[in-house]
């Protein structure tokens, strides 16, 4: 009985970190000069594109984040909402006798 309980506890201990890791969204990064900084977002130039990335009090900033600084920003894509649209009927309805 003791061996069974130990095996179950060991299985649970190994499974919990794997499940919590699977729930995390993939991390991406963008590098370039900062064009704009506010308390809730920053804009980074990447090539000809401007990347506006949101931030909050939990965003870790190392160094002096200011306009003109070259930065590498790590971010995750997180959905803020999802709206399901009903699928349209496939093809139109044809009248009998029409060609």
PDB file of N, CA and C in Angstrom:
ATOM      1  N   UNK A   1       0.823  -1.199   0.000  1.00  0.00           N
ATOM      2  CA  UNK A   1       0.000   0.000   0.000  1.00  0.00           C
ATOM      3  C   UNK A   1       0.865   1.261   0.000  1.00  0.00           C
ATOM      4  N   UNK A   2       1.932   1.235   0.777  1.00  0.00           N
ATOM      5  CA  UNK A   2       2.826   2.377   0.849  1.00  0.00           C
ATOM      6  C   UNK A   2       3.475   2.651  -0.505  1.00  0.00           C
ATOM      7  N   UNK A   3       3.834   1.565  -1.223  1.00  0.00           N
ATOM      8  CA  UNK A   3       4.441   1.728  -2.541  1.00  0.00           C
ATOM      9  C   UNK A   3       3.442   2.343  -3.520  1.00  0.00           C
ATOM     10  N   UNK A   4       2.182   1.960  -3.443  1.00  0.00           N
ATOM     11  CA  UNK A   4       1.145   2.493  -4.330  1.00  0.00           C
ATOM     12  C   UNK A   4       0.951   3.994  -4.078  1.00  0.00           C
ATOM     13  N   UNK A   5       0.865   4.372  -2.812  1.00  0.00           N
ATOM     14  CA  UNK A   5       0.702   5.795  -2.472  1.00  0.00           C
ATOM     15  C   UNK A   5       1.908   6.605  -2.939  1.00  0.00           C
ATOM     16  N   UNK A   6       3.090   6.063  -2.754  1.00  0.00           N
ATOM     17  CA  UNK A   6       4.303   6.762  -3.199  1.00  0.00           C
ATOM     18  C   UNK A   6       4.316   6.934  -4.712  1.00  0.00           C
ATOM     19  N   UNK A   7       3.893   5.906  -5.436  1.00  0.00           N
ATOM     20  CA  UNK A   7       3.856   5.975  -6.902  1.00  0.00           C
ATOM     21  C   UNK A   7       2.855   7.026  -7.372  1.00  0.00           C
ATOM     22  N   UNK A   8       1.691   7.089  -6.743  1.00  0.00           N
ATOM     23  CA  UNK A   8       0.675   8.066  -7.111  1.00  0.00           C
ATOM     24  C   UNK A   8       1.173   9.483  -6.824  1.00  0.00           C
ATOM     25  N   UNK A   9       1.754   9.712  -5.667  1.00  0.00           N
ATOM     26  CA  UNK A   9       2.280  11.028  -5.324  1.00  0.00           C
ATOM     27  C   UNK A   9       3.396  11.452  -6.269  1.00  0.00           C
ATOM     28  N   UNK A  10       4.263  10.530  -6.645  1.00  0.00           N
ATOM     29  CA  UNK A  10       5.351  10.834  -7.573  1.00  0.00           C
ATOM     30  C   UNK A  10       4.789  11.193  -8.948  1.00  0.00           C
ATOM     31  N   UNK A  11       3.762  10.478  -9.392  1.00  0.00           N
ATOM     32  CA  UNK A  11       3.145  10.765 -10.692  1.00  0.00           C
ATOM     33  C   UNK A  11       2.530  12.156 -10.705  1.00  0.00           C
ATOM     34  N   UNK A  12       1.826  12.509  -9.644  1.00  0.00           N
ATOM     35  CA  UNK A  12       1.204  13.826  -9.544  1.00  0.00           C
ATOM     36  C   UNK A  12       2.274  14.910  -9.511  1.00  0.00           C
ATOM     37  N   UNK A  13       3.349  14.691  -8.784  1.00  0.00           N
ATOM     38  CA  UNK A  13       4.420  15.681  -8.681  1.00  0.00           C
ATOM     39  C   UNK A  13       5.086  15.924 -10.030  1.00  0.00           C
ATOM     40  N   UNK A  14       5.172  14.904 -10.847  1.00  0.00           N
ATOM     41  CA  UNK A  14       5.773  15.059 -12.169  1.00  0.00           C
ATOM     42  C   UNK A  14       4.803  15.668 -13.167  1.00  0.00           C
ATOM     43  N   UNK A  15       3.511  15.442 -12.992  1.00  0.00           N
ATOM     44  CA  UNK A  15       2.510  15.905 -13.938  1.00  0.00           C
ATOM     45  C   UNK A  15       2.190  17.393 -13.772  1.00  0.00           C
ATOM     46  N   UNK A  16       2.153  17.909 -12.566  1.00  0.00           N
ATOM     47  CA  UNK A  16       1.757  19.293 -12.311  1.00  0.00           C
ATOM     48  C   UNK A  16       2.645  20.308 -13.044  1.00  0.00           C
ATOM     49  N   UNK A  17       3.973  20.221 -12.972  1.00  0.00           N
ATOM     50  CA  UNK A  17       4.779  21.197 -13.722  1.00  0.00           C
ATOM     51  C   UNK A  17       4.576  21.097 -15.233  1.00  0.00           C
ATOM     52  N   UNK A  18       4.372  19.910 -15.754  1.00  0.00           N
ATOM     53  CA  UNK A  18       4.170  19.741 -17.194  1.00  0.00           C
ATOM     54  C   UNK A  18       2.874  20.396 -17.639  1.00  0.00           C
ATOM     55  N   UNK A  19       1.815  20.295 -16.860  1.00  0.00           N
ATOM     56  CA  UNK A  19       0.526  20.892 -17.205  1.00  0.00           C
ATOM     57  C   UNK A  19       0.612  22.411 -17.131  1.00  0.00           C
ATOM     58  N   UNK A  20       1.234  22.953 -16.099  1.00  0.00           N
ATOM     59  CA  UNK A  20       1.324  24.409 -15.968  1.00  0.00           C
ATOM     60  C   UNK A  20       2.209  25.003 -17.062  1.00  0.00           C
ATOM     61  N   UNK A  21       3.241  24.298 -17.487  1.00  0.00           N
ATOM     62  CA  UNK A  21       4.099  24.792 -18.565  1.00  0.00           C
ATOM     63  C   UNK A  21       3.363  24.773 -19.900  1.00  0.00           C
ATOM     64  N   UNK A  22       2.523  23.784 -20.125  1.00  0.00           N
ATOM     65  CA  UNK A  22       1.797  23.680 -21.393  1.00  0.00           C
ATOM     66  C   UNK A  22       0.811  24.824 -21.575  1.00  0.00           C
ATOM     67  N   UNK A  23       0.354  25.430 -20.497  1.00  0.00           N
ATOM     68  CA  UNK A  23      -0.635  26.496 -20.582  1.00  0.00           C
ATOM     69  C   UNK A  23      -0.029  27.843 -20.964  1.00  0.00           C
ATOM     70  N   UNK A  24       1.274  27.994 -20.877  1.00  0.00           N
ATOM     71  CA  UNK A  24       1.918  29.264 -21.182  1.00  0.00           C
ATOM     72  C   UNK A  24       1.966  29.499 -22.690  1.00  0.00           C
ATOM     73  N   UNK A  25       1.690  30.733 -23.102  1.00  0.00           N
ATOM     74  CA  UNK A  25       1.784  31.093 -24.514  1.00  0.00           C
ATOM     75  C   UNK A  25       3.248  31.220 -24.906  1.00  0.00           C
ATOM     76  N   UNK A  26       3.513  31.018 -26.185  1.00  0.00           N
ATOM     77  CA  UNK A  26       4.874  31.116 -26.707  1.00  0.00           C
ATOM     78  C   UNK A  26       5.407  32.540 -26.532  1.00  0.00           C
ATOM     79  N   UNK A  27       6.698  32.671 -26.247  1.00  0.00           N
ATOM     80  CA  UNK A  27       7.339  33.966 -26.093  1.00  0.00           C
ATOM     81  C   UNK A  27       7.981  34.385 -27.410  1.00  0.00           C
ATOM     82  N   UNK A  28       7.789  35.641 -27.795  1.00  0.00           N
ATOM     83  CA  UNK A  28       8.380  36.219 -28.999  1.00  0.00           C
ATOM     84  C   UNK A  28       9.254  37.395 -28.579  1.00  0.00           C
ATOM     85  N   UNK A  29      10.041  37.928 -29.507  1.00  0.00           N
ATOM     86  CA  UNK A  29      10.826  39.120 -29.179  1.00  0.00           C
ATOM     87  C   UNK A  29      10.977  40.016 -30.398  1.00  0.00           C
ATOM     88  N   UNK A  30      11.174  41.286 -30.126  1.00  0.00           N
ATOM     89  CA  UNK A  30      11.432  42.285 -31.163  1.00  0.00           C
ATOM     90  C   UNK A  30      12.560  43.175 -30.645  1.00  0.00           C
ATOM     91  N   UNK A  31      13.493  43.521 -31.542  1.00  0.00           N
ATOM     92  CA  UNK A  31      14.636  44.357 -31.177  1.00  0.00           C
ATOM     93  C   UNK A  31      14.681  45.583 -32.079  1.00  0.00           C
ATOM     94  N   UNK A  32      14.956  46.732 -31.479  1.00  0.00           N
ATOM     95  CA  UNK A  32      15.084  47.958 -32.256  1.00  0.00           C
ATOM     96  C   UNK A  32      15.083  49.163 -31.346  1.00  0.00           C
ATOM     97  N   UNK A  33      15.162  50.357 -31.946  1.00  0.00           N
ATOM     98  CA  UNK A  33      15.150  51.581 -31.149  1.00  0.00           C
ATOM     99  C   UNK A  33      13.738  51.917 -30.654  1.00  0.00           C
ATOM    100  N   UNK A  34      13.664  52.513 -29.476  1.00  0.00           N
ATOM    101  CA  UNK A  34      12.382  52.930 -28.896  1.00  0.00           C
ATOM    102  C   UNK A  34      11.984  54.262 -29.521  1.00  0.00           C
ATOM    103  N   UNK A  35      10.756  54.315 -30.025  1.00  0.00           N
ATOM    104  CA  UNK A  35      10.231  55.554 -30.604  1.00  0.00           C
ATOM    105  C   UNK A  35       9.351  56.319 -29.627  1.00  0.00           C
ATOM    106  N   UNK A  36       8.686  55.580 -28.724  1.00  0.00           N
ATOM    107  CA  UNK A  36       7.757  56.209 -27.774  1.00  0.00           C
ATOM    108  C   UNK A  36       7.634  55.326 -26.545  1.00  0.00           C
ATOM    109  N   UNK A  37       7.492  55.929 -25.373  1.00  0.00           N
ATOM    110  CA  UNK A  37       7.327  55.196 -24.116  1.00  0.00           C
ATOM    111  C   UNK A  37       6.259  55.879 -23.281  1.00  0.00           C
ATOM    112  N   UNK A  38       5.300  55.095 -22.785  1.00  0.00           N
ATOM    113  CA  UNK A  38       4.339  55.580 -21.789  1.00  0.00           C
ATOM    114  C   UNK A  38       4.265  54.536 -20.677  1.00  0.00           C
ATOM    115  N   UNK A  39       3.437  54.794 -19.665  1.00  0.00           N
ATOM    116  CA  UNK A  39       3.292  53.842 -18.567  1.00  0.00           C
ATOM    117  C   UNK A  39       2.633  52.536 -19.000  1.00  0.00           C
ATOM    118  N   UNK A  40       1.860  52.570 -20.108  1.00  0.00           N
ATOM    119  CA  UNK A  40       1.148  51.354 -20.499  1.00  0.00           C
ATOM    120  C   UNK A  40       1.508  50.815 -21.883  1.00  0.00           C
ATOM    121  N   UNK A  41       2.507  51.393 -22.544  1.00  0.00           N
ATOM    122  CA  UNK A  41       2.952  50.844 -23.828  1.00  0.00           C
ATOM    123  C   UNK A  41       4.285  51.440 -24.242  1.00  0.00           C
ATOM    124  N   UNK A  42       4.921  50.759 -25.232  1.00  0.00           N
ATOM    125  CA  UNK A  42       6.114  51.309 -25.857  1.00  0.00           C
ATOM    126  C   UNK A  42       6.073  50.970 -27.340  1.00  0.00           C
ATOM    127  N   UNK A  43       6.713  51.807 -28.142  1.00  0.00           N
ATOM    128  CA  UNK A  43       6.753  51.611 -29.589  1.00  0.00           C
ATOM    129  C   UNK A  43       8.203  51.375 -29.985  1.00  0.00           C
ATOM    130  N   UNK A  44       8.432  50.253 -30.701  1.00  0.00           N
ATOM    131  CA  UNK A  44       9.772  49.873 -31.142  1.00  0.00           C
ATOM    132  C   UNK A  44       9.787  49.848 -32.664  1.00  0.00           C
ATOM    133  N   UNK A  45      10.838  50.405 -33.264  1.00  0.00           N
ATOM    134  CA  UNK A  45      11.017  50.399 -34.721  1.00  0.00           C
ATOM    135  C   UNK A  45      11.751  49.116 -35.104  1.00  0.00           C
ATOM    136  N   UNK A  46      11.146  48.318 -36.000  1.00  0.00           N
ATOM    137  CA  UNK A  46      11.801  47.125 -36.532  1.00  0.00           C
ATOM    138  C   UNK A  46      11.751  47.234 -38.042  1.00  0.00           C
ATOM    139  N   UNK A  47      12.879  47.567 -38.642  1.00  0.00           N
ATOM    140  CA  UNK A  47      12.890  47.822 -40.075  1.00  0.00           C
ATOM    141  C   UNK A  47      12.038  49.042 -40.359  1.00  0.00           C
ATOM    142  N   UNK A  48      11.056  48.899 -41.256  1.00  0.00           N
ATOM    143  CA  UNK A  48      10.139  50.004 -41.556  1.00  0.00           C
ATOM    144  C   UNK A  48       8.871  49.949 -40.718  1.00  0.00           C
ATOM    145  N   UNK A  49       8.717  48.875 -39.932  1.00  0.00           N
ATOM    146  CA  UNK A  49       7.504  48.683 -39.123  1.00  0.00           C
ATOM    147  C   UNK A  49       7.666  49.262 -37.726  1.00  0.00           C
ATOM    148  N   UNK A  50       6.554  49.753 -37.183  1.00  0.00           N
ATOM    149  CA  UNK A  50       6.505  50.236 -35.807  1.00  0.00           C
ATOM    150  C   UNK A  50       5.677  49.234 -35.008  1.00  0.00           C
ATOM    151  N   UNK A  51       6.257  48.696 -33.946  1.00  0.00           N
ATOM    152  CA  UNK A  51       5.602  47.707 -33.097  1.00  0.00           C
ATOM    153  C   UNK A  51       5.154  48.377 -31.808  1.00  0.00           C
ATOM    154  N   UNK A  52       3.850  48.448 -31.589  1.00  0.00           N
ATOM    155  CA  UNK A  52       3.306  49.000 -30.351  1.00  0.00           C
ATOM    156  C   UNK A  52       3.016  47.832 -29.420  1.00  0.00           C
ATOM    157  N   UNK A  53       3.667  47.805 -28.277  1.00  0.00           N
ATOM    158  CA  UNK A  53       3.563  46.687 -27.342  1.00  0.00           C
ATOM    159  C   UNK A  53       3.068  47.216 -26.003  1.00  0.00           C
ATOM    160  N   UNK A  54       2.006  46.635 -25.508  1.00  0.00           N
ATOM    161  CA  UNK A  54       1.449  47.038 -24.221  1.00  0.00           C
ATOM    162  C   UNK A  54       2.331  46.591 -23.071  1.00  0.00           C
ATOM    163  N   UNK A  55       2.255  47.315 -21.960  1.00  0.00           N
ATOM    164  CA  UNK A  55       2.988  46.942 -20.755  1.00  0.00           C
ATOM    165  C   UNK A  55       2.217  47.419 -19.532  1.00  0.00           C
ATOM    166  N   UNK A  56       2.548  46.841 -18.372  1.00  0.00           N
ATOM    167  CA  UNK A  56       1.891  47.228 -17.131  1.00  0.00           C
ATOM    168  C   UNK A  56       2.912  47.201 -15.996  1.00  0.00           C
ATOM    169  N   UNK A  57       2.437  47.292 -14.771  1.00  0.00           N
ATOM    170  CA  UNK A  57       3.334  47.355 -13.616  1.00  0.00           C
ATOM    171  C   UNK A  57       4.162  46.085 -13.452  1.00  0.00           C
ATOM    172  N   UNK A  58       3.686  44.948 -14.003  1.00  0.00           N
ATOM    173  CA  UNK A  58       4.433  43.702 -13.852  1.00  0.00           C
ATOM    174  C   UNK A  58       5.515  43.522 -14.922  1.00  0.00           C
ATOM    175  N   UNK A  59       5.603  44.446 -15.892  1.00  0.00           N
ATOM    176  CA  UNK A  59       6.626  44.356 -16.935  1.00  0.00           C
ATOM    177  C   UNK A  59       7.997  44.645 -16.334  1.00  0.00           C
ATOM    178  N   UNK A  60       8.917  43.694 -16.468  1.00  0.00           N
ATOM    179  CA  UNK A  60      10.271  43.861 -15.926  1.00  0.00           C
ATOM    180  C   UNK A  60      11.088  44.703 -16.904  1.00  0.00           C
ATOM    181  N   UNK A  61      11.654  45.786 -16.419  1.00  0.00           N
ATOM    182  CA  UNK A  61      12.493  46.664 -17.239  1.00  0.00           C
ATOM    183  C   UNK A  61      13.879  46.705 -16.621  1.00  0.00           C
ATOM    184  N   UNK A  62      14.888  46.359 -17.429  1.00  0.00           N
ATOM    185  CA  UNK A  62      16.276  46.410 -16.983  1.00  0.00           C
ATOM    186  C   UNK A  62      16.951  47.567 -17.710  1.00  0.00           C
ATOM    187  N   UNK A  63      17.471  48.529 -16.985  1.00  0.00           N
ATOM    188  CA  UNK A  63      18.117  49.681 -17.594  1.00  0.00           C
ATOM    189  C   UNK A  63      17.163  50.856 -17.683  1.00  0.00           C
ATOM    190  N   UNK A  64      17.616  51.905 -18.394  1.00  0.00           N
ATOM    191  CA  UNK A  64      16.856  53.148 -18.529  1.00  0.00           C
ATOM    192  C   UNK A  64      16.066  53.106 -19.837  1.00  0.00           C
ATOM    193  N   UNK A  65      14.779  52.831 -19.744  1.00  0.00           N
ATOM    194  CA  UNK A  65      13.907  52.735 -20.919  1.00  0.00           C
ATOM    195  C   UNK A  65      13.483  54.138 -21.337  1.00  0.00           C
ATOM    196  N   UNK A  66      14.027  54.608 -22.477  1.00  0.00           N
ATOM    197  CA  UNK A  66      13.702  55.950 -22.958  1.00  0.00           C
ATOM    198  C   UNK A  66      13.757  55.965 -24.476  1.00  0.00           C
ATOM    199  N   UNK A  67      13.185  57.009 -25.058  1.00  0.00           N
ATOM    200  CA  UNK A  67      13.175  57.174 -26.511  1.00  0.00           C
ATOM    201  C   UNK A  67      14.618  57.192 -27.018  1.00  0.00           C
ATOM    202  N   UNK A  68      14.873  56.421 -28.074  1.00  0.00           N
ATOM    203  CA  UNK A  68      16.202  56.347 -28.667  1.00  0.00           C
ATOM    204  C   UNK A  68      17.021  55.159 -28.202  1.00  0.00           C
ATOM    205  N   UNK A  69      16.672  54.573 -27.050  1.00  0.00           N
ATOM    206  CA  UNK A  69      17.406  53.410 -26.553  1.00  0.00           C
ATOM    207  C   UNK A  69      17.129  52.207 -27.445  1.00  0.00           C
ATOM    208  N   UNK A  70      18.147  51.373 -27.658  1.00  0.00           N
ATOM    209  CA  UNK A  70      17.944  50.125 -28.388  1.00  0.00           C
ATOM    210  C   UNK A  70      17.524  49.080 -27.365  1.00  0.00           C
ATOM    211  N   UNK A  71      16.416  48.388 -27.632  1.00  0.00           N
ATOM    212  CA  UNK A  71      15.879  47.416 -26.686  1.00  0.00           C
ATOM    213  C   UNK A  71      15.568  46.094 -27.380  1.00  0.00           C
ATOM    214  N   UNK A  72      15.509  45.053 -26.589  1.00  0.00           N
ATOM    215  CA  UNK A  72      14.945  43.775 -27.009  1.00  0.00           C
ATOM    216  C   UNK A  72      13.770  43.528 -26.085  1.00  0.00           C
ATOM    217  N   UNK A  73      12.581  43.436 -26.656  1.00  0.00           N
ATOM    218  CA  UNK A  73      11.365  43.251 -25.875  1.00  0.00           C
ATOM    219  C   UNK A  73      10.868  41.820 -26.075  1.00  0.00           C
ATOM    220  N   UNK A  74      10.660  41.106 -24.986  1.00  0.00           N
ATOM    221  CA  UNK A  74      10.041  39.789 -25.037  1.00  0.00           C
ATOM    222  C   UNK A  74       8.575  39.965 -24.704  1.00  0.00           C
ATOM    223  N   UNK A  75       7.708  39.311 -25.490  1.00  0.00           N
ATOM    224  CA  UNK A  75       6.270  39.459 -25.284  1.00  0.00           C
ATOM    225  C   UNK A  75       5.551  38.165 -25.634  1.00  0.00           C
ATOM    226  N   UNK A  76       4.316  38.071 -25.212  1.00  0.00           N
ATOM    227  CA  UNK A  76       3.436  36.945 -25.538  1.00  0.00           C
ATOM    228  C   UNK A  76       2.191  37.507 -26.202  1.00  0.00           C
ATOM    229  N   UNK A  77       1.646  36.734 -27.126  1.00  0.00           N
ATOM    230  CA  UNK A  77       0.375  37.133 -27.735  1.00  0.00           C
ATOM    231  C   UNK A  77      -0.744  36.525 -26.887  1.00  0.00           C
ATOM    232  N   UNK A  78      -1.586  37.377 -26.363  1.00  0.00           N
ATOM    233  CA  UNK A  78      -2.676  36.939 -25.496  1.00  0.00           C
ATOM    234  C   UNK A  78      -3.981  37.529 -26.007  1.00  0.00           C
ATOM    235  N   UNK A  79      -4.973  36.680 -26.194  1.00  0.00           N
ATOM    236  CA  UNK A  79      -6.277  37.141 -26.676  1.00  0.00           C
ATOM    237  C   UNK A  79      -6.966  37.966 -25.591  1.00  0.00           C
ATOM    238  N   UNK A  80      -7.577  39.070 -25.996  1.00  0.00           N
ATOM    239  CA  UNK A  80      -8.368  39.862 -25.063  1.00  0.00           C
ATOM    240  C   UNK A  80      -9.853  39.586 -25.248  1.00  0.00           C
ATOM    241  N   UNK A  81     -10.233  39.062 -26.415  1.00  0.00           N
ATOM    242  CA  UNK A  81     -11.615  38.642 -26.645  1.00  0.00           C
ATOM    243  C   UNK A  81     -11.657  37.718 -27.860  1.00  0.00           C
ATOM    244  N   UNK A  82     -12.721  36.981 -27.988  1.00  0.00           N
ATOM    245  CA  UNK A  82     -12.932  36.110 -29.147  1.00  0.00           C
ATOM    246  C   UNK A  82     -14.427  36.085 -29.442  1.00  0.00           C
ATOM    247  N   UNK A  83     -14.806  36.420 -30.656  1.00  0.00           N
ATOM    248  CA  UNK A  83     -16.207  36.436 -31.060  1.00  0.00           C
ATOM    249  C   UNK A  83     -16.395  35.423 -32.177  1.00  0.00           C
ATOM    250  N   UNK A  84     -17.277  34.461 -31.950  1.00  0.00           N
ATOM    251  CA  UNK A  84     -17.535  33.416 -32.932  1.00  0.00           C
ATOM    252  C   UNK A  84     -18.593  33.910 -33.905  1.00  0.00           C
ATOM    253  N   UNK A  85     -18.311  33.800 -35.188  1.00  0.00           N
ATOM    254  CA  UNK A  85     -19.242  34.195 -36.246  1.00  0.00           C
ATOM    255  C   UNK A  85     -19.889  32.946 -36.806  1.00  0.00           C
ATOM    256  N   UNK A  86     -21.171  33.019 -37.050  1.00  0.00           N
ATOM    257  CA  UNK A  86     -21.873  31.883 -37.634  1.00  0.00           C
ATOM    258  C   UNK A  86     -21.399  31.693 -39.071  1.00  0.00           C
ATOM    259  N   UNK A  87     -21.205  30.431 -39.462  1.00  0.00           N
ATOM    260  CA  UNK A  87     -20.770  30.127 -40.829  1.00  0.00           C
ATOM    261  C   UNK A  87     -21.927  30.346 -41.789  1.00  0.00           C
ATOM    262  N   UNK A  88     -21.626  30.917 -42.964  1.00  0.00           N
ATOM    263  CA  UNK A  88     -22.654  31.106 -43.981  1.00  0.00           C
ATOM    264  C   UNK A  88     -22.891  29.774 -44.664  1.00  0.00           C
ATOM    265  N   UNK A  89     -24.091  29.588 -45.187  1.00  0.00           N
ATOM    266  CA  UNK A  89     -24.424  28.350 -45.889  1.00  0.00           C
ATOM    267  C   UNK A  89     -23.514  28.203 -47.103  1.00  0.00           C
ATOM    268  N   UNK A  90     -23.060  26.983 -47.341  1.00  0.00           N
ATOM    269  CA  UNK A  90     -22.168  26.728 -48.479  1.00  0.00           C
ATOM    270  C   UNK A  90     -22.968  26.802 -49.769  1.00  0.00           C
ATOM    271  N   UNK A  91     -22.576  27.676 -50.665  1.00  0.00           N
ATOM    272  CA  UNK A  91     -23.242  27.815 -51.965  1.00  0.00           C
ATOM    273  C   UNK A  91     -24.609  28.452 -51.811  1.00  0.00           C
ATOM    274  N   UNK A  92     -25.128  28.957 -52.902  1.00  0.00           N
ATOM    275  CA  UNK A  92     -26.455  29.569 -52.888  1.00  0.00           C
ATOM    276  C   UNK A  92     -27.521  28.517 -53.165  1.00  0.00           C
ATOM    277  N   UNK A  93     -28.754  28.886 -52.967  1.00  0.00           N
ATOM    278  CA  UNK A  93     -29.838  27.952 -53.271  1.00  0.00           C
ATOM    279  C   UNK A  93     -30.254  28.178 -54.716  1.00  0.00           C
ATOM    280  N   UNK A  94     -30.359  27.091 -55.453  1.00  0.00           N
ATOM    281  CA  UNK A  94     -30.737  27.180 -56.870  1.00  0.00           C
ATOM    282  C   UNK A  94     -32.220  26.900 -57.004  1.00  0.00           C
ATOM    283  N   UNK A  95     -32.860  27.591 -57.920  1.00  0.00           N
ATOM    284  CA  UNK A  95     -34.282  27.356 -58.212  1.00  0.00           C
ATOM    285  C   UNK A  95     -34.384  26.173 -59.146  1.00  0.00           C
ATOM    286  N   UNK A  96     -35.422  25.412 -58.988  1.00  0.00           N
ATOM    287  CA  UNK A  96     -35.660  24.278 -59.892  1.00  0.00           C
ATOM    288  C   UNK A  96     -35.914  24.812 -61.288  1.00  0.00           C
ATOM    289  N   UNK A  97     -35.319  24.117 -62.254  1.00  0.00           N
ATOM    290  CA  UNK A  97     -35.532  24.479 -63.645  1.00  0.00           C
ATOM    291  C   UNK A  97     -34.589  25.533 -64.161  1.00  0.00           C
ATOM    292  N   UNK A  98     -33.772  26.152 -63.316  1.00  0.00           N
ATOM    293  CA  UNK A  98     -32.826  27.154 -63.821  1.00  0.00           C
ATOM    294  C   UNK A  98     -31.517  26.481 -64.176  1.00  0.00           C
ATOM    295  N   UNK A  99     -30.842  27.040 -65.167  1.00  0.00           N
ATOM    296  CA  UNK A  99     -29.586  26.432 -65.641  1.00  0.00           C
ATOM    297  C   UNK A  99     -28.422  27.283 -65.277  1.00  0.00           C
TER     298      UNK A  99
END
